[in-house]
C-alpha atoms as a PDB file:
ATOM      1  CA  MET A   1       3.619   6.097  -2.099  1.00  0.00           C
ATOM      2  CA  LYS A   2       5.031   8.854  -4.299  1.00  0.00           C
ATOM      3  CA  SER A   3       1.928  11.003  -3.910  1.00  0.00           C
ATOM      4  CA  LEU A   4       2.333  10.963  -0.133  1.00  0.00           C
ATOM      5  CA  ALA A   5       6.059  11.533  -0.329  1.00  0.00           C
ATOM      6  CA  ILE A   6       5.497  14.890  -1.963  1.00  0.00           C
ATOM      7  CA  VAL A   7       5.522  16.455   1.472  1.00  0.00           C
ATOM      8  CA  ALA A   8       9.189  15.543   1.767  1.00  0.00           C
ATOM      9  CA  PHE A   9       9.996  18.116  -0.853  1.00  0.00           C
ATOM     10  CA  LEU A  10       7.323  20.766  -0.425  1.00  0.00           C
ATOM     11  CA  THR A  11       6.615  23.015   2.495  1.00  0.00           C
ATOM     12  CA  ALA A  12       2.928  22.285   2.362  1.00  0.00           C
ATOM     13  CA  LEU A  13       0.474  20.269   0.408  1.00  0.00           C
ATOM     14  CA  LEU A  14      -3.171  20.523  -0.407  1.00  0.00           C
ATOM     15  CA  VAL A  15      -5.498  18.482  -2.679  1.00  0.00           C
ATOM     16  CA  VAL A  16      -8.036  16.513  -0.893  1.00  0.00           C
ATOM     17  CA  THR A  17     -10.697  14.560   0.392  1.00  0.00           C
ATOM     18  CA  PHE A  18     -11.087  11.064   1.468  1.00  0.00           C
ATOM     19  CA  ALA A  19     -11.857   7.742  -0.143  1.00  0.00           C
ATOM     20  CA  LYS A  20     -15.359   6.446  -0.634  1.00  0.00           C
ATOM     21  CA  PRO A  21     -16.685   2.917  -0.951  1.00  0.00           C
ATOM     22  CA  ALA A  22     -15.424   1.403  -4.183  1.00  0.00           C
ATOM     23  CA  GLU A  23     -18.713   1.606  -6.018  1.00  0.00           C
ATOM     24  CA  LYS A  24     -19.188   5.228  -5.002  1.00  0.00           C
ATOM     25  CA  GLN A  25     -15.654   6.531  -5.229  1.00  0.00           C
ATOM     26  CA  ASP A  26     -15.426   9.733  -7.199  1.00  0.00           C
ATOM     27  CA  GLU A  27     -12.798  12.193  -8.223  1.00  0.00           C
ATOM     28  CA  HIS A  28     -13.166  14.591  -5.337  1.00  0.00           C
ATOM     29  CA  GLN A  29     -11.959  11.954  -2.881  1.00  0.00           C
ATOM     30  CA  SER A  30      -8.306  11.452  -2.045  1.00  0.00           C
ATOM     31  CA  ASP A  31      -6.467  10.505   1.110  1.00  0.00           C
ATOM     32  CA  ARG A  32      -4.832  13.661   2.207  1.00  0.00           C
ATOM     33  CA  VAL A  33      -4.835  17.400   2.178  1.00  0.00           C
ATOM     34  CA  LYS A  34      -1.347  18.637   1.883  1.00  0.00           C
ATOM     35  CA  ASP A  35      -0.825  21.225  -0.776  1.00  0.00           C
ATOM     36  CA  THR A  36      -2.782  23.474  -2.970  1.00  0.00           C
ATOM     37  CA  LYS A  37      -3.423  21.927  -6.324  1.00  0.00           C
ATOM     38  CA  LEU A  38      -0.813  23.609  -8.395  1.00  0.00           C
ATOM     39  CA  SER A  39       0.051  20.097  -9.440  1.00  0.00           C
ATOM     40  CA  ASP A  40      -0.160  16.491  -8.269  1.00  0.00           C
ATOM     41  CA  GLU A  41       3.500  16.186  -9.238  1.00  0.00           C
ATOM     42  CA  ALA A  42       6.283  16.502  -6.648  1.00  0.00           C
ATOM     43  CA  HIS A  43       8.214  19.722  -7.201  1.00  0.00           C
ATOM     44  CA  PHE A  44      11.475  17.849  -6.771  1.00  0.00           C
ATOM     45  CA  GLU A  45      12.232  14.182  -7.280  1.00  0.00           C
ATOM     46  CA  GLY A  46      15.188  13.447  -5.052  1.00  0.00           C
ATOM     47  CA  LYS A  47      17.563  16.307  -5.824  1.00  0.00           C
ATOM     48  CA  GLU A  48      16.354  16.662  -9.409  1.00  0.00           C
ATOM     49  CA  HIS A  49      13.902  19.407 -10.294  1.00  0.00           C
ATOM     50  CA  ASN A  50      10.662  17.975 -11.658  1.00  0.00           C
ATOM     51  CA  VAL A  51       9.448  20.051 -14.591  1.00  0.00           C
ATOM     52  CA  ASP A  52       6.056  18.316 -14.489  1.00  0.00           C
ATOM     53  CA  TYR A  53       5.270  20.389 -11.391  1.00  0.00           C
ATOM     54  CA  ASP A  54       5.906  23.661 -13.226  1.00  0.00           C
ATOM     55  CA  HIS A  55       4.173  22.174 -16.259  1.00  0.00           C
ATOM     56  CA  GLU A  56       0.859  21.833 -14.425  1.00  0.00           C
ATOM     57  CA  ALA A  57       1.229  24.838 -12.124  1.00  0.00           C
ATOM     58  CA  PHE A  58       1.702  27.080 -15.135  1.00  0.00           C
ATOM     59  CA  LEU A  59      -0.796  25.569 -17.563  1.00  0.00           C
ATOM     60  CA  GLY A  60      -3.405  23.914 -15.425  1.00  0.00           C
ATOM     61  CA  GLU A  61      -4.083  20.184 -15.590  1.00  0.00           C
ATOM     62  CA  ASP A  62      -6.173  20.114 -18.781  1.00  0.00           C
ATOM     63  CA  GLU A  63      -3.735  22.180 -20.818  1.00  0.00           C
ATOM     64  CA  ALA A  64      -0.781  20.245 -19.402  1.00  0.00           C
ATOM     65  CA  LYS A  65      -2.278  16.975 -20.622  1.00  0.00           C
ATOM     66  CA  THR A  66      -2.775  18.447 -24.080  1.00  0.00           C
ATOM     67  CA  PHE A  67       0.787  19.745 -24.245  1.00  0.00           C
ATOM     68  CA  LYS A  68       2.122  16.334 -23.282  1.00  0.00           C
ATOM     69  CA  ASP A  69       1.718  14.948 -26.811  1.00  0.00           C
ATOM     70  CA  LEU A  70       2.748  18.048 -28.767  1.00  0.00           C
ATOM     71  CA  SER A  71       5.915  18.469 -30.775  1.00  0.00           C
ATOM     72  CA  PRO A  72       8.440  21.050 -29.510  1.00  0.00           C
ATOM     73  CA  GLU A  73       7.478  23.385 -32.345  1.00  0.00           C
ATOM     74  CA  GLU A  74       3.747  23.213 -31.541  1.00  0.00           C
ATOM     75  CA  SER A  75       4.490  23.552 -27.819  1.00  0.00           C
ATOM     76  CA  ARG A  76       6.412  26.760 -28.429  1.00  0.00           C
ATOM     77  CA  LYS A  77       3.666  28.118 -30.672  1.00  0.00           C
ATOM     78  CA  ARG A  78       0.904  27.448 -28.147  1.00  0.00           C
ATOM     79  CA  LEU A  79       3.013  28.689 -25.272  1.00  0.00           C
ATOM     80  CA  GLY A  80       3.427  31.981 -27.097  1.00  0.00           C
ATOM     81  CA  VAL A  81      -0.362  32.349 -27.244  1.00  0.00           C
ATOM     82  CA  ILE A  82      -0.593  31.716 -23.510  1.00  0.00           C
ATOM     83  CA  VAL A  83       2.145  34.246 -22.775  1.00  0.00           C
ATOM     84  CA  ASP A  84       0.042  36.913 -24.510  1.00  0.00           C
ATOM     85  CA  LYS A  85      -2.798  36.088 -22.118  1.00  0.00           C
ATOM     86  CA  ILE A  86      -0.543  36.335 -19.071  1.00  0.00           C
ATOM     87  CA  ASP A  87       0.838  39.723 -20.123  1.00  0.00           C
ATOM     88  CA  THR A  88      -2.317  41.585 -19.176  1.00  0.00           C
ATOM     89  CA  ASP A  89      -0.887  45.110 -19.595  1.00  0.00           C
ATOM     90  CA  ASN A  90       0.506  44.204 -23.036  1.00  0.00           C
ATOM     91  CA  ASP A  91       3.895  45.733 -22.345  1.00  0.00           C
ATOM     92  CA  GLY A  92       5.821  42.746 -23.715  1.00  0.00           C
ATOM     93  CA  PHE A  93       6.939  41.496 -20.296  1.00  0.00           C
ATOM     94  CA  VAL A  94       5.579  38.958 -17.832  1.00  0.00           C
ATOM     95  CA  THR A  95       6.081  40.107 -14.265  1.00  0.00           C
ATOM     96  CA  GLU A  96       6.019  38.035 -11.101  1.00  0.00           C
ATOM     97  CA  GLU A  97       2.591  39.418 -10.228  1.00  0.00           C
ATOM     98  CA  GLU A  98       1.175  38.577 -13.663  1.00  0.00           C
ATOM     99  CA  LEU A  99       2.599  35.082 -13.436  1.00  0.00           C
ATOM    100  CA  LYS A 100       1.216  34.589  -9.937  1.00  0.00           C
ATOM    101  CA  THR A 101      -2.209  35.796 -11.086  1.00  0.00           C
ATOM    102  CA  TRP A 102      -2.132  33.353 -13.998  1.00  0.00           C
ATOM    103  CA  ILE A 103      -1.236  30.406 -11.762  1.00  0.00           C
ATOM    104  CA  GLU A 104      -4.024  31.357  -9.351  1.00  0.00           C
ATOM    105  CA  HIS A 105      -6.418  31.555 -12.298  1.00  0.00           C
ATOM    106  CA  GLN A 106      -5.471  28.044 -13.402  1.00  0.00           C
ATOM    107  CA  GLN A 107      -5.981  26.683  -9.909  1.00  0.00           C
ATOM    108  CA  ASN A 108      -9.410  28.274  -9.541  1.00  0.00           C
ATOM    109  CA  LYS A 109     -10.428  27.212 -13.039  1.00  0.00           C
ATOM    110  CA  TYR A 110      -9.649  23.589 -12.213  1.00  0.00           C
ATOM    111  CA  ALA A 111     -11.616  23.720  -8.956  1.00  0.00           C
ATOM    112  CA  HIS A 112     -14.722  25.312 -10.473  1.00  0.00           C
ATOM    113  CA  ASN A 113     -14.734  23.045 -13.537  1.00  0.00           C
ATOM    114  CA  ASP A 114     -14.408  19.985 -11.317  1.00  0.00           C
ATOM    115  CA  ALA A 115     -17.204  21.220  -9.054  1.00  0.00           C
ATOM    116  CA  GLU A 116     -19.497  21.719 -12.051  1.00  0.00           C
ATOM    117  CA  ILE A 117     -19.027  18.095 -13.088  1.00  0.00           C
ATOM    118  CA  HIS A 118     -19.876  16.807  -9.621  1.00  0.00           C
ATOM    119  CA  TRP A 119     -22.759  19.241  -9.263  1.00  0.00           C
ATOM    120  CA  GLU A 120     -24.462  17.653 -12.247  1.00  0.00           C
ATOM    121  CA  ASN A 121     -23.922  14.170 -10.812  1.00  0.00           C
ATOM    122  CA  ARG A 122     -25.000  14.946  -7.249  1.00  0.00           C
ATOM    123  CA  ASN A 123     -27.784  17.526  -7.573  1.00  0.00           C
ATOM    124  CA  GLN A 124     -30.999  15.539  -8.068  1.00  0.00           C
ATOM    125  CA  ILE A 125     -33.155  18.621  -8.668  1.00  0.00           C
ATOM    126  CA  PRO A 126     -31.795  20.832 -11.482  1.00  0.00           C
ATOM    127  CA  ASP A 127     -31.509  24.099  -9.564  1.00  0.00           C
ATOM    128  CA  ASP A 128     -28.827  26.307  -8.031  1.00  0.00           C
ATOM    129  CA  ILE A 129     -28.799  24.786  -4.552  1.00  0.00           C
ATOM    130  CA  MET A 130     -28.015  21.337  -3.225  1.00  0.00           C
ATOM    131  CA  SER A 131     -29.288  19.886   0.025  1.00  0.00           C
ATOM    132  CA  TRP A 132     -27.354  17.517   2.245  1.00  0.00           C
ATOM    133  CA  ALA A 133     -30.102  14.958   1.624  1.00  0.00           C
ATOM    134  CA  GLU A 134     -29.480  15.132  -2.139  1.00  0.00           C
ATOM    135  CA  TYR A 135     -25.749  14.805  -1.751  1.00  0.00           C
ATOM    136  CA  ASN A 136     -26.048  11.999   0.770  1.00  0.00           C
ATOM    137  CA  ALA A 137     -28.552  10.109  -1.382  1.00  0.00           C
ATOM    138  CA  THR A 138     -26.382  10.252  -4.495  1.00  0.00           C
ATOM    139  CA  THR A 139     -23.150   9.496  -2.649  1.00  0.00           C
ATOM    140  CA  TYR A 140     -23.872   7.101   0.206  1.00  0.00           C
ATOM    141  CA  SER A 141     -27.514   6.171   0.537  1.00  0.00           C
ATOM    142  CA  SER A 142     -27.794   3.629  -2.235  1.00  0.00           C
ATOM    143  CA  ARG A 143     -27.461   1.165   0.643  1.00  0.00           C
ATOM    144  CA  SER A 144     -30.346   0.682   3.009  1.00  0.00           C
ATOM    145  CA  GLU A 145     -29.967   0.774   6.793  1.00  0.00           C
ATOM    146  CA  GLU A 146     -30.372  -2.994   6.789  1.00  0.00           C
ATOM    147  CA  GLU A 147     -27.509  -3.364   4.297  1.00  0.00           C
ATOM    148  CA  LEU A 148     -25.336  -1.086   6.393  1.00  0.00           C
ATOM    149  CA  ASN A 149     -26.019  -3.138   9.491  1.00  0.00           C
ATOM    150  CA  GLN A 150     -25.040  -6.325   7.653  1.00  0.00           C
ATOM    151  CA  MET A 151     -21.613  -4.959   6.767  1.00  0.00           C
ATOM    152  CA  PRO A 152     -18.566  -6.202   8.665  1.00  0.00           C
ATOM    153  CA  GLU A 153     -18.075  -3.952  11.678  1.00  0.00           C
ATOM    154  CA  SER A 154     -14.834  -2.421  10.392  1.00  0.00           C
ATOM    155  CA  GLU A 155     -16.377  -1.578   7.006  1.00  0.00           C
ATOM    156  CA  HIS A 156     -19.473  -0.125   8.626  1.00  0.00           C
ATOM    157  CA  MET A 157     -17.286   2.054  10.858  1.00  0.00           C
ATOM    158  CA  ASP A 158     -15.313   3.309   7.856  1.00  0.00           C
ATOM    159  CA  PHE A 159     -18.521   4.095   5.996  1.00  0.00           C
ATOM    160  CA  THR A 160     -19.914   5.960   8.985  1.00  0.00           C
ATOM    161  CA  LYS A 161     -16.662   7.881   9.405  1.00  0.00           C
ATOM    162  CA  MET A 162     -16.724   9.032   5.792  1.00  0.00           C
ATOM    163  CA  ILE A 163     -20.281  10.317   6.130  1.00  0.00           C
ATOM    164  CA  ARG A 164     -19.350  12.127   9.347  1.00  0.00           C
ATOM    165  CA  ARG A 165     -16.352  13.754   7.703  1.00  0.00           C
ATOM    166  CA  ASP A 166     -18.326  14.789   4.637  1.00  0.00           C
ATOM    167  CA  LYS A 167     -21.001  16.323   6.869  1.00  0.00           C
ATOM    168  CA  ALA A 168     -18.416  18.261   8.889  1.00  0.00           C
ATOM    169  CA  ARG A 169     -16.920  19.631   5.696  1.00  0.00           C
ATOM    170  CA  TRP A 170     -20.401  20.377   4.347  1.00  0.00           C
ATOM    171  CA  ASN A 171     -21.165  22.429   7.455  1.00  0.00           C
ATOM    172  CA  ALA A 172     -17.900  24.332   7.089  1.00  0.00           C
ATOM    173  CA  ALA A 173     -18.687  25.158   3.455  1.00  0.00           C
ATOM    174  CA  ASP A 174     -22.252  26.241   4.287  1.00  0.00           C
ATOM    175  CA  GLU A 175     -21.672  29.960   4.934  1.00  0.00           C
ATOM    176  CA  ASN A 176     -25.262  30.901   5.784  1.00  0.00           C
ATOM    177  CA  ASN A 177     -25.945  27.727   7.807  1.00  0.00           C
ATOM    178  CA  ASP A 178     -29.080  26.780   5.882  1.00  0.00           C
ATOM    179  CA  ASN A 179     -27.868  23.197   5.244  1.00  0.00           C
ATOM    180  CA  LEU A 180     -27.941  23.986   1.513  1.00  0.00           C
ATOM    181  CA  LEU A 181     -24.938  24.624  -0.685  1.00  0.00           C
ATOM    182  CA  SER A 182     -24.793  27.050  -3.562  1.00  0.00           C
ATOM    183  CA  ARG A 183     -22.478  26.271  -6.474  1.00  0.00           C
ATOM    184  CA  ASP A 184     -19.695  28.366  -4.910  1.00  0.00           C
ATOM    185  CA  GLU A 185     -20.202  26.711  -1.520  1.00  0.00           C
ATOM    186  CA  PHE A 186     -20.110  23.312  -3.203  1.00  0.00           C
ATOM    187  CA  THR A 187     -16.780  24.273  -4.784  1.00  0.00           C
ATOM    188  CA  ALA A 188     -15.478  25.056  -1.300  1.00  0.00           C
ATOM    189  CA  PHE A 189     -16.765  21.676  -0.125  1.00  0.00           C
ATOM    190  CA  LEU A 190     -14.925  19.800  -2.891  1.00  0.00           C
ATOM    191  CA  HIS A 191     -11.779  21.963  -2.917  1.00  0.00           C
ATOM    192  CA  PRO A 192     -11.342  23.416   0.582  1.00  0.00           C
ATOM    193  CA  GLU A 193      -7.659  24.067  -0.170  1.00  0.00           C
ATOM    194  CA  ASN A 194      -8.760  27.077  -2.260  1.00  0.00           C
ATOM    195  CA  PHE A 195     -10.748  28.776   0.491  1.00  0.00           C
ATOM    196  CA  GLU A 196      -9.271  30.450   3.554  1.00  0.00           C
ATOM    197  CA  ARG A 197     -12.478  29.884   5.546  1.00  0.00           C
ATOM    198  CA  MET A 198     -12.021  26.135   5.075  1.00  0.00           C
ATOM    199  CA  ARG A 199      -8.545  26.099   6.611  1.00  0.00           C
ATOM    200  CA  ASP A 200      -9.631  24.648   9.953  1.00  0.00           C
ATOM    201  CA  ILE A 201     -11.484  21.691   8.426  1.00  0.00           C
ATOM    202  CA  VAL A 202      -8.535  20.904   6.153  1.00  0.00           C
ATOM    203  CA  ILE A 203      -6.207  20.838   9.148  1.00  0.00           C
ATOM    204  CA  GLN A 204      -8.601  18.738  11.230  1.00  0.00           C
ATOM    205  CA  GLU A 205      -8.990  16.157   8.450  1.00  0.00           C
ATOM    206  CA  THR A 206      -5.233  15.894   8.032  1.00  0.00           C
ATOM    207  CA  LEU A 207      -4.722  15.406  11.761  1.00  0.00           C
ATOM    208  CA  GLU A 208      -7.343  12.655  11.814  1.00  0.00           C
ATOM    209  CA  ASP A 209      -5.751  10.907   8.836  1.00  0.00           C
ATOM    210  CA  VAL A 210      -2.221  10.834  10.199  1.00  0.00           C
ATOM    211  CA  ASP A 211      -3.107  10.351  13.889  1.00  0.00           C
ATOM    212  CA  LYS A 212      -3.512   6.574  13.821  1.00  0.00           C
ATOM    213  CA  ASN A 213      -4.003   6.050  17.572  1.00  0.00           C
ATOM    214  CA  GLY A 214      -6.586   8.811  17.910  1.00  0.00           C
ATOM    215  CA  ASP A 215      -4.859  10.753  20.682  1.00  0.00           C
ATOM    216  CA  GLY A 216      -5.299  14.088  18.936  1.00  0.00           C
ATOM    217  CA  GLN A 217      -1.666  14.607  18.000  1.00  0.00           C
ATOM    218  CA  ILE A 218       0.893  13.264  15.528  1.00  0.00           C
ATOM    219  CA  SER A 219       3.988  11.449  16.711  1.00  0.00           C
ATOM    220  CA  LEU A 220       7.201  11.129  14.730  1.00  0.00           C
ATOM    221  CA  ALA A 221       6.343   7.501  13.961  1.00  0.00           C
ATOM    222  CA  GLU A 222       2.903   8.489  12.635  1.00  0.00           C
ATOM    223  CA  TYR A 223       4.377  11.354  10.625  1.00  0.00           C
ATOM    224  CA  ILE A 224       6.960   9.130   8.931  1.00  0.00           C
ATOM    225  CA  GLY A 225       4.558   6.206   8.639  1.00  0.00           C
ATOM    226  CA  ASP A 226       2.121   8.326   6.644  1.00  0.00           C
ATOM    227  CA  MET A 227       4.744   8.821   3.931  1.00  0.00           C
ATOM    228  CA  TYR A 228       6.961   5.776   4.110  1.00  0.00           C
ATOM    229  CA  LYS A 229       6.310   2.123   4.852  1.00  0.00           C
ATOM    230  CA  GLU A 230       9.332   0.158   5.977  1.00  0.00           C
ATOM    231  CA  ASN A 231      10.009  -3.048   4.073  1.00  0.00           C
ATOM    232  CA  ASN A 232      11.047  -6.310   5.663  1.00  0.00           C
ATOM    233  CA  GLU A 233      14.278  -6.705   3.754  1.00  0.00           C
ATOM    234  CA  GLY A 234      16.405  -4.557   6.039  1.00  0.00           C
ATOM    235  CA  ALA A 235      17.072  -1.956   3.357  1.00  0.00           C
ATOM    236  CA  ASP A 236      18.387   1.413   4.454  1.00  0.00           C
ATOM    237  CA  GLU A 237      15.911   4.262   4.714  1.00  0.00           C
ATOM    238  CA  PRO A 238      15.857   6.583   1.707  1.00  0.00           C
ATOM    239  CA  GLU A 239      17.710   9.825   2.287  1.00  0.00           C
ATOM    240  CA  TRP A 240      14.524  11.860   2.033  1.00  0.00           C
ATOM    241  CA  VAL A 241      13.026   9.927   4.971  1.00  0.00           C
ATOM    242  CA  LYS A 242      16.043  10.783   7.120  1.00  0.00           C
ATOM    243  CA  THR A 243      15.601  14.397   6.091  1.00  0.00           C
ATOM    244  CA  GLU A 244      11.952  14.287   7.109  1.00  0.00           C
ATOM    245  CA  ARG A 245      12.871  12.971  10.544  1.00  0.00           C
ATOM    246  CA  GLU A 246      15.093  16.003  10.963  1.00  0.00           C
ATOM    247  CA  GLN A 247      12.353  18.290   9.631  1.00  0.00           C
ATOM    248  CA  PHE A 248       9.916  16.929  12.207  1.00  0.00           C
ATOM    249  CA  SER A 249      12.283  17.504  15.104  1.00  0.00           C
ATOM    250  CA  GLN A 250      13.653  20.859  13.992  1.00  0.00           C
ATOM    251  CA  PHE A 251      10.656  22.545  12.375  1.00  0.00           C
ATOM    252  CA  ARG A 252       7.363  20.625  12.604  1.00  0.00           C
ATOM    253  CA  ASP A 253       7.386  20.026  16.374  1.00  0.00           C
ATOM    254  CA  LYS A 254       7.722  23.667  17.342  1.00  0.00           C
ATOM    255  CA  ASN A 255       7.261  23.219  21.096  1.00  0.00           C
ATOM    256  CA  LYS A 256       9.635  20.207  21.177  1.00  0.00           C
ATOM    257  CA  ASP A 257       7.242  17.899  23.024  1.00  0.00           C
ATOM    258  CA  GLY A 258       7.687  15.066  20.519  1.00  0.00           C
ATOM    259  CA  PHE A 259       4.307  15.551  18.821  1.00  0.00           C
ATOM    260  CA  MET A 260       2.535  17.829  16.372  1.00  0.00           C
ATOM    261  CA  ASP A 261      -0.661  19.302  17.788  1.00  0.00           C
ATOM    262  CA  LEU A 262      -3.460  20.837  15.720  1.00  0.00           C
ATOM    263  CA  GLN A 263      -1.765  24.231  15.439  1.00  0.00           C
ATOM    264  CA  GLU A 264       1.536  22.666  14.394  1.00  0.00           C
ATOM    265  CA  VAL A 265      -0.236  20.521  11.804  1.00  0.00           C
ATOM    266  CA  GLY A 266      -1.706  23.731  10.399  1.00  0.00           C
ATOM    267  CA  GLU A 267       1.719  25.293  10.027  1.00  0.00           C
ATOM    268  CA  TRP A 268       2.923  22.102   8.370  1.00  0.00           C
ATOM    269  CA  ILE A 269       0.294  21.785   5.650  1.00  0.00           C
ATOM    270  CA  LEU A 270      -0.965  25.385   5.367  1.00  0.00           C
ATOM    271  CA  PRO A 271       1.812  27.657   6.658  1.00  0.00           C
ATOM    272  CA  THR A 272       0.502  31.144   7.324  1.00  0.00           C
ATOM    273  CA  ASP A 273       3.715  32.798   6.149  1.00  0.00           C
ATOM    274  CA  TYR A 274       4.019  30.975   2.814  1.00  0.00           C
ATOM    275  CA  ASP A 275       2.354  31.815  -0.498  1.00  0.00           C
ATOM    276  CA  HIS A 276       2.828  28.803  -2.753  1.00  0.00           C
ATOM    277  CA  MET A 277       1.705  30.643  -5.892  1.00  0.00           C
ATOM    278  CA  GLU A 278       4.131  33.470  -5.262  1.00  0.00           C
ATOM    279  CA  ALA A 279       6.907  30.968  -4.600  1.00  0.00           C
ATOM    280  CA  GLU A 280       6.221  29.146  -7.864  1.00  0.00           C
ATOM    281  CA  ALA A 281       6.116  32.419  -9.837  1.00  0.00           C
ATOM    282  CA  LYS A 282       9.475  33.450  -8.324  1.00  0.00           C
ATOM    283  CA  HIS A 283      10.911  30.050  -9.159  1.00  0.00           C
ATOM    284  CA  LEU A 284       9.810  30.139 -12.789  1.00  0.00           C
ATOM    285  CA  ILE A 285      11.215  33.634 -13.256  1.00  0.00           C
ATOM    286  CA  TYR A 286      14.501  32.691 -11.596  1.00  0.00           C
ATOM    287  CA  GLU A 287      14.918  29.702 -13.907  1.00  0.00           C
ATOM    288  CA  SER A 288      14.006  31.594 -17.101  1.00  0.00           C
ATOM    289  CA  ASP A 289      15.231  35.170 -16.627  1.00  0.00           C
ATOM    290  CA  LYS A 290      18.410  35.321 -18.745  1.00  0.00           C
ATOM    291  CA  ASN A 291      19.208  38.988 -18.219  1.00  0.00           C
ATOM    292  CA  LYS A 292      18.150  38.965 -14.548  1.00  0.00           C
ATOM    293  CA  ASP A 293      15.801  41.931 -14.846  1.00  0.00           C
ATOM    294  CA  LYS A 294      13.195  40.055 -12.778  1.00  0.00           C
ATOM    295  CA  LYS A 295      10.654  39.872 -15.592  1.00  0.00           C
ATOM    296  CA  LEU A 296      10.289  37.649 -18.614  1.00  0.00           C
ATOM    297  CA  THR A 297       9.955  38.313 -22.315  1.00  0.00           C
ATOM    298  CA  LYS A 298       8.029  35.955 -24.531  1.00  0.00           C
ATOM    299  CA  ALA A 299      11.349  34.826 -26.011  1.00  0.00           C
ATOM    300  CA  GLU A 300      12.723  33.944 -22.555  1.00  0.00           C
ATOM    301  CA  ILE A 301       9.631  31.896 -21.727  1.00  0.00           C
ATOM    302  CA  VAL A 302       9.442  30.142 -25.081  1.00  0.00           C
ATOM    303  CA  ASP A 303      13.171  29.377 -24.876  1.00  0.00           C
ATOM    304  CA  LYS A 304      12.428  27.534 -21.634  1.00  0.00           C
ATOM    305  CA  TYR A 305       9.319  25.823 -22.951  1.00  0.00           C
ATOM    306  CA  ASP A 306      10.476  22.520 -21.447  1.00  0.00           C
ATOM    307  CA  LEU A 307      10.393  24.079 -17.977  1.00  0.00           C
ATOM    308  CA  PHE A 308       6.871  25.352 -18.509  1.00  0.00           C
ATOM    309  CA  VAL A 309       5.190  22.805 -20.746  1.00  0.00           C
ATOM    310  CA  GLY A 310       7.583  20.468 -22.498  1.00  0.00           C
ATOM    311  CA  SER A 311       8.145  17.541 -20.153  1.00  0.00           C
ATOM    312  CA  GLN A 312       7.239  14.132 -21.579  1.00  0.00           C
ATOM    313  CA  ALA A 313       7.693  12.394 -18.215  1.00  0.00           C
ATOM    314  CA  THR A 314       4.130  12.873 -16.931  1.00  0.00           C
ATOM    315  CA  ASN A 315       2.105   9.704 -16.511  1.00  0.00           C
ATOM    316  CA  TYR A 316      -1.310  11.282 -16.486  1.00  0.00           C
ATOM    317  CA  GLY A 317      -4.102   9.928 -18.652  1.00  0.00           C
ATOM    318  CA  GLU A 318      -4.932  10.455 -22.254  1.00  0.00           C
ATOM    319  CA  SER A 319      -4.348  13.906 -23.664  1.00  0.00           C
ATOM    320  CA  LEU A 320      -7.379  16.093 -23.897  1.00  0.00           C
ATOM    321  CA  GLN A 321      -8.211  17.239 -27.381  1.00  0.00           C
ATOM    322  CA  ARG A 322      -9.028  20.832 -26.562  1.00  0.00           C
ATOM    323  CA  HIS A 323      -7.722  23.147 -29.214  1.00  0.00           C
ATOM    324  CA  ASP A 324     -10.375  25.865 -29.110  1.00  0.00           C
ATOM    325  CA  GLU A 325      -8.151  28.341 -27.270  1.00  0.00           C
ATOM    326  CA  PHE A 326      -5.451  28.089 -29.891  1.00  0.00           C
END
């Protein structure tokens, strides 16, 4: 449940999609949209700061995996190369704006690279557009109508729901309403968290996921139940769950009617007054800026290499062997 508990420590959360049938499940599907993909890691674990979050936000997922297995000396060396890339005006300092731009670049790079992989797998005709029929055929339609009708009712309903949700997101990504997606539109389909025009569909999907009784709003019980499942041993609730109960009452339920409606869900997962990339850039500078001049030298960043890239605690998969940039 750790991945769902992230919301206890972040203001918003966004990586997303939904699960597919086991034989068709692919990497763009996940259970919830809650926070932009700076990292799948929680920014804080309990009261302890989790450097894995900064690790991936700063480097991007591929580079973070590579750094995982490096010695401190090699980490510092490679980090120095990256710092030179971040310092775009070559003045010897990394500003908040340069750091924010770098983090945004890493986020977009991940989304577009991921979309390219799925484009090759889903696009039956090798061209620059994809039809809904192509996507549907390569994702869901390996089963005939007869096979679908023979499924248990609950499984058939889940399958139908997933197709409906994919189609709704497809329509939202389709800017010119031609029922075809370009490569950029397909990226928006897979990673709606990166596109402002996809905000409404992200919010709607989240509401549907958490709203278990289908009444169009989220109760406190549904909100907590999405993140924490009570055990039967009578153990006390974790402190973070108690905090989330307070957060729901004090901040999430803005009109104090006991529920979160669609607008309140939007402010929960995609707050309009919060820039997560700016917040992360400010945080990294605050933690690394020894002389408090609000900008970082290469030496200050490399000295804090563990904050940026050095954590060995990540449990992601095998390190990628990409050394071409170094």
